Amino acid sequence: MNENECRETLRALSADGGLTLSDREVVLCCRHVALVALWNRRVNLTRITGREALVKHVLDSLVPARWLPEGGLALDVGSGAGFPGLPLAVIRPGLRVLLLESDRKKASFLKVAAADLALKNVSVVHGRFEEAPWTSKFCRSPEALQGVEEPRFDVITVRAVRLDEAMLRKMGWILAPGGVVAYWAGPSSAASAPRHVPLAGDALLDRLEDSAYELPGLQGRRRLIRWIRRES
């Protein structure tokens, strides 16, 4: 599928999925998919390509955006090939997105992709969330967060990464009051996802109502599970 075919297909699929994308957004999303296909020859980014990638990666990143903030500071944990972080950065220019990826080659891809797409609201950090020293010293990295001294993320996105309560608690520590953790649960059951996660002091993560959505041509409803940080 060349980029012209990609654009036509993405426009049609977006309309089927209830999305309205600008010409710029369509061009950038298709360029991202093309870069993934190119790098796949030497780095195992994803097994999903072509039209399937537009549905299972691009649209799956964008359809749930209606339930996420339009601006602020975002952290995408385990970015991999850049989903959902890069598509969200494309349609949310007011969102500053930090892509965190533990695999060095994938992190290199993300840096190249962000530069190629000229996304000035994207930064990339190579590292593991579970092992990263989430302290003010780590978060002050000018390269990663453009000089923000005491960042508190407005949204943390998690897709295709196993999320347990311990990791969820660590995410809660670095959320701003009212900030949200957004977990792409897919079509699988998420009954075991905790309702409440206590944090330091009187703060806690409180699970919001799950948001269900469908993707064009795929059976089964997907769910976005969100927790909000509340201060008592």
C-alpha atoms as a PDB file:
ATOM      1  CA  MET A   1       0.000   0.000   0.000  1.00  0.00           C
ATOM      2  CA  ASN A   2       1.554   3.287  -1.109  1.00  0.00           C
ATOM      3  CA  GLU A   3       0.952   6.543   0.766  1.00  0.00           C
ATOM      4  CA  ASN A   4      -1.817   7.738  -1.584  1.00  0.00           C
ATOM      5  CA  GLU A   5      -3.678   4.469  -1.067  1.00  0.00           C
ATOM      6  CA  CYS A   6      -3.051   4.774   2.643  1.00  0.00           C
ATOM      7  CA  ARG A   7      -4.577   8.251   2.751  1.00  0.00           C
ATOM      8  CA  GLU A   8      -7.695   7.214   0.855  1.00  0.00           C
ATOM      9  CA  THR A   9      -8.126   4.136   3.023  1.00  0.00           C
ATOM     10  CA  LEU A  10      -7.553   6.007   6.272  1.00  0.00           C
ATOM     11  CA  ARG A  11     -10.091   8.700   5.333  1.00  0.00           C
ATOM     12  CA  ALA A  12     -12.713   6.025   4.639  1.00  0.00           C
ATOM     13  CA  LEU A  13     -11.922   4.056   7.782  1.00  0.00           C
ATOM     14  CA  SER A  14     -11.938   7.199   9.913  1.00  0.00           C
ATOM     15  CA  ALA A  15     -15.404   8.114   8.667  1.00  0.00           C
ATOM     16  CA  ASP A  16     -16.593   4.587   9.480  1.00  0.00           C
ATOM     17  CA  GLY A  17     -15.119   4.968  12.952  1.00  0.00           C
ATOM     18  CA  GLY A  18     -16.794   8.313  13.581  1.00  0.00           C
ATOM     19  CA  LEU A  19     -13.614  10.369  13.237  1.00  0.00           C
ATOM     20  CA  THR A  20     -12.974  13.492  11.191  1.00  0.00           C
ATOM     21  CA  LEU A  21      -9.280  13.879  10.378  1.00  0.00           C
ATOM     22  CA  SER A  22      -7.765  16.872   8.615  1.00  0.00           C
ATOM     23  CA  ASP A  23      -5.623  16.416   5.513  1.00  0.00           C
ATOM     24  CA  ARG A  24      -2.530  17.116   7.617  1.00  0.00           C
ATOM     25  CA  GLU A  25      -3.484  14.497  10.178  1.00  0.00           C
ATOM     26  CA  VAL A  26      -4.138  11.891   7.502  1.00  0.00           C
ATOM     27  CA  VAL A  27      -0.794  12.629   5.811  1.00  0.00           C
ATOM     28  CA  LEU A  28       1.161  12.393   9.079  1.00  0.00           C
ATOM     29  CA  CYS A  29      -0.547   9.201  10.240  1.00  0.00           C
ATOM     30  CA  CYS A  30       0.147   7.545   6.893  1.00  0.00           C
ATOM     31  CA  ARG A  31       3.734   8.731   6.960  1.00  0.00           C
ATOM     32  CA  HIS A  32       4.078   7.155  10.407  1.00  0.00           C
ATOM     33  CA  VAL A  33       2.718   3.843   9.089  1.00  0.00           C
ATOM     34  CA  ALA A  34       5.131   4.008   6.137  1.00  0.00           C
ATOM     35  CA  LEU A  35       8.073   4.575   8.486  1.00  0.00           C
ATOM     36  CA  VAL A  36       6.998   1.589  10.585  1.00  0.00           C
ATOM     37  CA  ALA A  37       6.927  -0.588   7.452  1.00  0.00           C
ATOM     38  CA  LEU A  38      10.370   0.650   6.413  1.00  0.00           C
ATOM     39  CA  TRP A  39      11.967   0.038   9.817  1.00  0.00           C
ATOM     40  CA  ASN A  40      10.252  -3.339  10.163  1.00  0.00           C
ATOM     41  CA  ARG A  41      12.834  -4.695   7.732  1.00  0.00           C
ATOM     42  CA  ARG A  42      15.532  -4.389  10.407  1.00  0.00           C
ATOM     43  CA  VAL A  43      13.655  -3.845  13.688  1.00  0.00           C
ATOM     44  CA  ASN A  44      10.710  -5.946  14.812  1.00  0.00           C
ATOM     45  CA  LEU A  45       8.262  -3.111  15.514  1.00  0.00           C
ATOM     46  CA  THR A  46       4.968  -4.857  14.738  1.00  0.00           C
ATOM     47  CA  ARG A  47       3.596  -7.858  12.858  1.00  0.00           C
ATOM     48  CA  ILE A  48       0.552  -5.851  11.792  1.00  0.00           C
ATOM     49  CA  THR A  49       0.953  -3.964   8.505  1.00  0.00           C
ATOM     50  CA  GLY A  50      -1.050  -2.478   5.630  1.00  0.00           C
ATOM     51  CA  ARG A  51      -4.769  -1.819   6.005  1.00  0.00           C
ATOM     52  CA  GLU A  52      -4.841  -3.891   9.180  1.00  0.00           C
ATOM     53  CA  ALA A  53      -2.345  -1.504  10.781  1.00  0.00           C
ATOM     54  CA  LEU A  54      -4.600   1.454   9.999  1.00  0.00           C
ATOM     55  CA  VAL A  55      -7.427  -0.190  11.932  1.00  0.00           C
ATOM     56  CA  LYS A  56      -5.612  -1.989  14.751  1.00  0.00           C
ATOM     57  CA  HIS A  57      -2.937   0.626  15.366  1.00  0.00           C
ATOM     58  CA  VAL A  58      -3.905   4.066  14.033  1.00  0.00           C
ATOM     59  CA  LEU A  59      -7.661   4.019  14.624  1.00  0.00           C
ATOM     60  CA  ASP A  60      -7.254   2.113  17.875  1.00  0.00           C
ATOM     61  CA  SER A  61      -5.008   4.974  19.005  1.00  0.00           C
ATOM     62  CA  LEU A  62      -7.325   7.741  17.815  1.00  0.00           C
ATOM     63  CA  VAL A  63     -10.891   6.588  18.487  1.00  0.00           C
ATOM     64  CA  PRO A  64     -10.445   6.677  22.306  1.00  0.00           C
ATOM     65  CA  ALA A  65      -8.880  10.170  22.130  1.00  0.00           C
ATOM     66  CA  ARG A  66     -12.341  11.645  22.777  1.00  0.00           C
ATOM     67  CA  TRP A  67     -11.948  10.571  26.416  1.00  0.00           C
ATOM     68  CA  LEU A  68      -8.470  12.069  26.879  1.00  0.00           C
ATOM     69  CA  PRO A  69      -7.275  15.626  27.618  1.00  0.00           C
ATOM     70  CA  GLU A  70      -6.642  17.904  24.646  1.00  0.00           C
ATOM     71  CA  GLY A  71      -3.666  19.597  26.261  1.00  0.00           C
ATOM     72  CA  GLY A  72      -1.104  19.249  29.022  1.00  0.00           C
ATOM     73  CA  LEU A  73       1.745  16.829  29.618  1.00  0.00           C
ATOM     74  CA  ALA A  74       1.391  13.181  28.534  1.00  0.00           C
ATOM     75  CA  LEU A  75       3.500  10.087  29.135  1.00  0.00           C
ATOM     76  CA  ASP A  76       3.156   7.114  26.773  1.00  0.00           C
ATOM     77  CA  VAL A  77       4.552   4.023  28.520  1.00  0.00           C
ATOM     78  CA  GLY A  78       6.059   1.324  26.309  1.00  0.00           C
ATOM     79  CA  SER A  79       5.587   3.244  23.076  1.00  0.00           C
ATOM     80  CA  GLY A  80       6.982   0.517  20.795  1.00  0.00           C
ATOM     81  CA  ALA A  81       6.162   1.550  17.232  1.00  0.00           C
ATOM     82  CA  GLY A  82       4.625   4.779  18.525  1.00  0.00           C
ATOM     83  CA  PHE A  83       1.021   3.782  19.187  1.00  0.00           C
ATOM     84  CA  PRO A  84      -0.866   5.542  20.657  1.00  0.00           C
ATOM     85  CA  GLY A  85       1.640   8.305  21.447  1.00  0.00           C
ATOM     86  CA  LEU A  86       2.497   9.562  17.956  1.00  0.00           C
ATOM     87  CA  PRO A  87      -1.070   9.573  16.532  1.00  0.00           C
ATOM     88  CA  LEU A  88      -2.271  11.358  19.672  1.00  0.00           C
ATOM     89  CA  ALA A  89       0.480  13.958  19.265  1.00  0.00           C
ATOM     90  CA  VAL A  90      -0.641  14.460  15.653  1.00  0.00           C
ATOM     91  CA  ILE A  91      -4.278  15.234  16.513  1.00  0.00           C
ATOM     92  CA  ARG A  92      -3.533  16.939  19.854  1.00  0.00           C
ATOM     93  CA  PRO A  93      -0.909  19.624  19.136  1.00  0.00           C
ATOM     94  CA  GLY A  94      -1.593  21.094  22.583  1.00  0.00           C
ATOM     95  CA  LEU A  95      -0.490  17.853  24.223  1.00  0.00           C
ATOM     96  CA  ARG A  96       3.210  17.505  25.025  1.00  0.00           C
ATOM     97  CA  VAL A  97       3.935  13.807  24.660  1.00  0.00           C
ATOM     98  CA  LEU A  98       6.857  11.961  26.225  1.00  0.00           C
ATOM     99  CA  LEU A  99       7.393   8.549  24.617  1.00  0.00           C
ATOM    100  CA  LEU A 100       9.038   6.056  26.982  1.00  0.00           C
ATOM    101  CA  GLU A 101      10.466   2.904  25.405  1.00  0.00           C
ATOM    102  CA  SER A 102      12.764   0.276  26.970  1.00  0.00           C
ATOM    103  CA  ASP A 103      14.083  -1.200  23.707  1.00  0.00           C
ATOM    104  CA  ARG A 104      16.976   0.882  22.391  1.00  0.00           C
ATOM    105  CA  LYS A 105      16.271   0.176  18.693  1.00  0.00           C
ATOM    106  CA  LYS A 106      12.598   1.020  19.075  1.00  0.00           C
ATOM    107  CA  ALA A 107      13.508   4.204  20.947  1.00  0.00           C
ATOM    108  CA  SER A 108      15.796   5.119  18.048  1.00  0.00           C
ATOM    109  CA  PHE A 109      12.909   4.574  15.648  1.00  0.00           C
ATOM    110  CA  LEU A 110      10.659   6.811  17.720  1.00  0.00           C
ATOM    111  CA  LYS A 111      13.219   9.630  17.642  1.00  0.00           C
ATOM    112  CA  VAL A 112      13.560   9.331  13.869  1.00  0.00           C
ATOM    113  CA  ALA A 113       9.782   9.197  13.392  1.00  0.00           C
ATOM    114  CA  ALA A 114       9.122  12.223  15.590  1.00  0.00           C
ATOM    115  CA  ALA A 115      11.749  14.206  13.666  1.00  0.00           C
ATOM    116  CA  ASP A 116      10.492  13.017  10.271  1.00  0.00           C
ATOM    117  CA  LEU A 117       6.923  14.018  11.163  1.00  0.00           C
ATOM    118  CA  ALA A 118       8.195  17.359  12.544  1.00  0.00           C
ATOM    119  CA  LEU A 119       6.263  16.842  15.770  1.00  0.00           C
ATOM    120  CA  LYS A 120       7.700  19.483  18.082  1.00  0.00           C
ATOM    121  CA  ASN A 121       5.394  18.354  20.892  1.00  0.00           C
ATOM    122  CA  VAL A 122       7.078  14.926  21.134  1.00  0.00           C
ATOM    123  CA  SER A 123      10.131  13.824  23.128  1.00  0.00           C
ATOM    124  CA  VAL A 124      11.567  10.308  23.476  1.00  0.00           C
ATOM    125  CA  VAL A 125      13.257   8.640  26.447  1.00  0.00           C
ATOM    126  CA  HIS A 126      14.914   5.227  26.376  1.00  0.00           C
ATOM    127  CA  GLY A 127      14.214   3.327  29.598  1.00  0.00           C
ATOM    128  CA  ARG A 128      11.903   1.053  31.580  1.00  0.00           C
ATOM    129  CA  PHE A 129       9.138   2.586  33.632  1.00  0.00           C
ATOM    130  CA  GLU A 130       9.511  -0.007  36.403  1.00  0.00           C
ATOM    131  CA  GLU A 131      13.226   0.720  36.787  1.00  0.00           C
ATOM    132  CA  ALA A 132      13.316   4.443  36.115  1.00  0.00           C
ATOM    133  CA  PRO A 133      14.016   6.645  39.139  1.00  0.00           C
ATOM    134  CA  TRP A 134      10.808   8.667  38.960  1.00  0.00           C
ATOM    135  CA  THR A 135      12.197  11.577  40.922  1.00  0.00           C
ATOM    136  CA  SER A 136      12.453  15.288  40.301  1.00  0.00           C
ATOM    137  CA  LYS A 137      16.077  14.810  39.224  1.00  0.00           C
ATOM    138  CA  PHE A 138      15.114  12.298  36.507  1.00  0.00           C
ATOM    139  CA  CYS A 139      12.146  14.334  35.345  1.00  0.00           C
ATOM    140  CA  ARG A 140      14.138  17.544  35.034  1.00  0.00           C
ATOM    141  CA  SER A 141      15.898  16.289  31.910  1.00  0.00           C
ATOM    142  CA  PRO A 142      15.655  19.262  29.504  1.00  0.00           C
ATOM    143  CA  GLU A 143      15.871  16.913  26.527  1.00  0.00           C
ATOM    144  CA  ALA A 144      12.954  14.834  27.762  1.00  0.00           C
ATOM    145  CA  LEU A 145      10.681  17.450  29.257  1.00  0.00           C
ATOM    146  CA  GLN A 146      11.965  20.722  27.858  1.00  0.00           C
ATOM    147  CA  GLY A 147      12.977  22.223  31.180  1.00  0.00           C
ATOM    148  CA  VAL A 148       9.850  21.474  33.222  1.00  0.00           C
ATOM    149  CA  GLU A 149      11.238  21.290  36.753  1.00  0.00           C
ATOM    150  CA  GLU A 150       8.490  19.457  38.623  1.00  0.00           C
ATOM    151  CA  PRO A 151       6.377  17.666  36.021  1.00  0.00           C
ATOM    152  CA  ARG A 152       3.090  16.107  36.914  1.00  0.00           C
ATOM    153  CA  PHE A 153       1.549  14.298  33.994  1.00  0.00           C
ATOM    154  CA  ASP A 154      -1.990  15.147  32.951  1.00  0.00           C
ATOM    155  CA  VAL A 155      -2.397  11.789  31.229  1.00  0.00           C
ATOM    156  CA  ILE A 156      -0.433   8.530  31.156  1.00  0.00           C
ATOM    157  CA  THR A 157      -1.277   6.175  28.298  1.00  0.00           C
ATOM    158  CA  VAL A 158      -0.678   2.413  28.405  1.00  0.00           C
ATOM    159  CA  ARG A 159      -1.291   0.147  25.416  1.00  0.00           C
ATOM    160  CA  ALA A 160       0.001  -3.379  24.730  1.00  0.00           C
ATOM    161  CA  VAL A 161       1.776  -3.303  28.087  1.00  0.00           C
ATOM    162  CA  ARG A 162       0.820  -5.408  31.104  1.00  0.00           C
ATOM    163  CA  LEU A 163      -0.508  -3.113  33.808  1.00  0.00           C
ATOM    164  CA  ASP A 164      -0.589  -4.335  37.400  1.00  0.00           C
ATOM    165  CA  GLU A 165      -1.550  -2.543  40.596  1.00  0.00           C
ATOM    166  CA  ALA A 166       2.046  -1.823  41.629  1.00  0.00           C
ATOM    167  CA  MET A 167       2.784  -0.151  38.304  1.00  0.00           C
ATOM    168  CA  LEU A 168      -0.516   1.690  38.449  1.00  0.00           C
ATOM    169  CA  ARG A 169       0.390   3.064  41.864  1.00  0.00           C
ATOM    170  CA  LYS A 170       3.732   4.359  40.584  1.00  0.00           C
ATOM    171  CA  MET A 171       1.891   6.081  37.752  1.00  0.00           C
ATOM    172  CA  GLY A 172      -0.434   7.687  40.266  1.00  0.00           C
ATOM    173  CA  TRP A 173       2.521   9.199  42.092  1.00  0.00           C
ATOM    174  CA  ILE A 174       3.545  11.240  39.048  1.00  0.00           C
ATOM    175  CA  LEU A 175       0.046  12.309  37.981  1.00  0.00           C
ATOM    176  CA  ALA A 176      -1.172  15.844  38.464  1.00  0.00           C
ATOM    177  CA  PRO A 177      -4.311  16.227  40.603  1.00  0.00           C
ATOM    178  CA  GLY A 178      -7.144  15.358  38.237  1.00  0.00           C
ATOM    179  CA  GLY A 179      -4.689  13.572  35.944  1.00  0.00           C
ATOM    180  CA  VAL A 180      -5.709  10.338  34.247  1.00  0.00           C
ATOM    181  CA  VAL A 181      -4.152   6.938  33.572  1.00  0.00           C
ATOM    182  CA  ALA A 182      -5.661   5.560  30.342  1.00  0.00           C
ATOM    183  CA  TYR A 183      -5.326   1.830  29.671  1.00  0.00           C
ATOM    184  CA  TRP A 184      -6.198   0.281  26.300  1.00  0.00           C
ATOM    185  CA  ALA A 185      -7.828  -2.936  27.518  1.00  0.00           C
ATOM    186  CA  GLY A 186      -8.742  -4.203  24.055  1.00  0.00           C
ATOM    187  CA  PRO A 187     -11.520  -6.758  23.738  1.00  0.00           C
ATOM    188  CA  SER A 188     -10.312  -8.769  26.743  1.00  0.00           C
ATOM    189  CA  SER A 189     -11.960  -8.802  30.143  1.00  0.00           C
ATOM    190  CA  ALA A 190     -10.639  -6.269  32.637  1.00  0.00           C
ATOM    191  CA  ALA A 191     -12.744  -7.253  35.628  1.00  0.00           C
ATOM    192  CA  SER A 192      -9.567  -7.642  37.701  1.00  0.00           C
ATOM    193  CA  ALA A 193      -8.522  -4.009  37.187  1.00  0.00           C
ATOM    194  CA  PRO A 194      -8.679  -2.342  40.629  1.00  0.00           C
ATOM    195  CA  ARG A 195     -11.384   0.190  41.446  1.00  0.00           C
ATOM    196  CA  HIS A 196      -9.285   2.236  43.835  1.00  0.00           C
ATOM    197  CA  VAL A 197      -5.528   2.518  44.347  1.00  0.00           C
ATOM    198  CA  PRO A 198      -4.330   4.414  47.446  1.00  0.00           C
ATOM    199  CA  LEU A 199      -1.413   6.780  46.991  1.00  0.00           C
ATOM    200  CA  ALA A 200       0.598   8.872  49.425  1.00  0.00           C
ATOM    201  CA  GLY A 201      -1.373  10.855  51.997  1.00  0.00           C
ATOM    202  CA  ASP A 202      -5.056  11.158  51.170  1.00  0.00           C
ATOM    203  CA  ALA A 203      -4.594  10.872  47.405  1.00  0.00           C
ATOM    204  CA  LEU A 204      -5.910   7.912  45.447  1.00  0.00           C
ATOM    205  CA  LEU A 205      -6.565   6.665  41.945  1.00  0.00           C
ATOM    206  CA  ASP A 206     -10.288   6.281  41.376  1.00  0.00           C
ATOM    207  CA  ARG A 207     -11.485   4.202  38.432  1.00  0.00           C
ATOM    208  CA  LEU A 208     -13.846   6.015  36.092  1.00  0.00           C
ATOM    209  CA  GLU A 209     -16.593   4.384  34.079  1.00  0.00           C
ATOM    210  CA  ASP A 210     -15.101   2.260  31.305  1.00  0.00           C
ATOM    211  CA  SER A 211     -15.433   3.673  27.787  1.00  0.00           C
ATOM    212  CA  ALA A 212     -16.420   1.140  25.100  1.00  0.00           C
ATOM    213  CA  TYR A 213     -15.739   1.565  21.402  1.00  0.00           C
ATOM    214  CA  GLU A 214     -15.625  -0.447  18.177  1.00  0.00           C
ATOM    215  CA  LEU A 215     -13.214  -0.473  15.263  1.00  0.00           C
ATOM    216  CA  PRO A 216     -14.344  -0.742  11.623  1.00  0.00           C
ATOM    217  CA  GLY A 217     -14.475  -4.312  10.370  1.00  0.00           C
ATOM    218  CA  LEU A 218     -13.521  -5.900  13.698  1.00  0.00           C
ATOM    219  CA  GLN A 219     -15.816  -7.870  15.955  1.00  0.00           C
ATOM    220  CA  GLY A 220     -15.927  -7.237  19.671  1.00  0.00           C
ATOM    221  CA  ARG A 221     -16.054  -4.059  21.670  1.00  0.00           C
ATOM    222  CA  ARG A 222     -12.870  -2.609  23.007  1.00  0.00           C
ATOM    223  CA  ARG A 223     -12.561  -0.699  26.234  1.00  0.00           C
ATOM    224  CA  LEU A 224     -10.538   2.197  27.501  1.00  0.00           C
ATOM    225  CA  ILE A 225     -10.122   1.929  31.275  1.00  0.00           C
ATOM    226  CA  ARG A 226      -9.294   5.158  33.067  1.00  0.00           C
ATOM    227  CA  TRP A 227      -8.294   6.125  36.584  1.00  0.00           C
ATOM    228  CA  ILE A 228      -8.283   9.695  37.847  1.00  0.00           C
ATOM    229  CA  ARG A 229      -6.105  11.028  40.634  1.00  0.00           C
ATOM    230  CA  ARG A 230      -8.227  12.531  43.375  1.00  0.00           C
ATOM    231  CA  GLU A 231      -7.040  14.513  46.368  1.00  0.00           C
ATOM    232  CA  SER A 232      -9.108  14.186  49.545  1.00  0.00           C
END
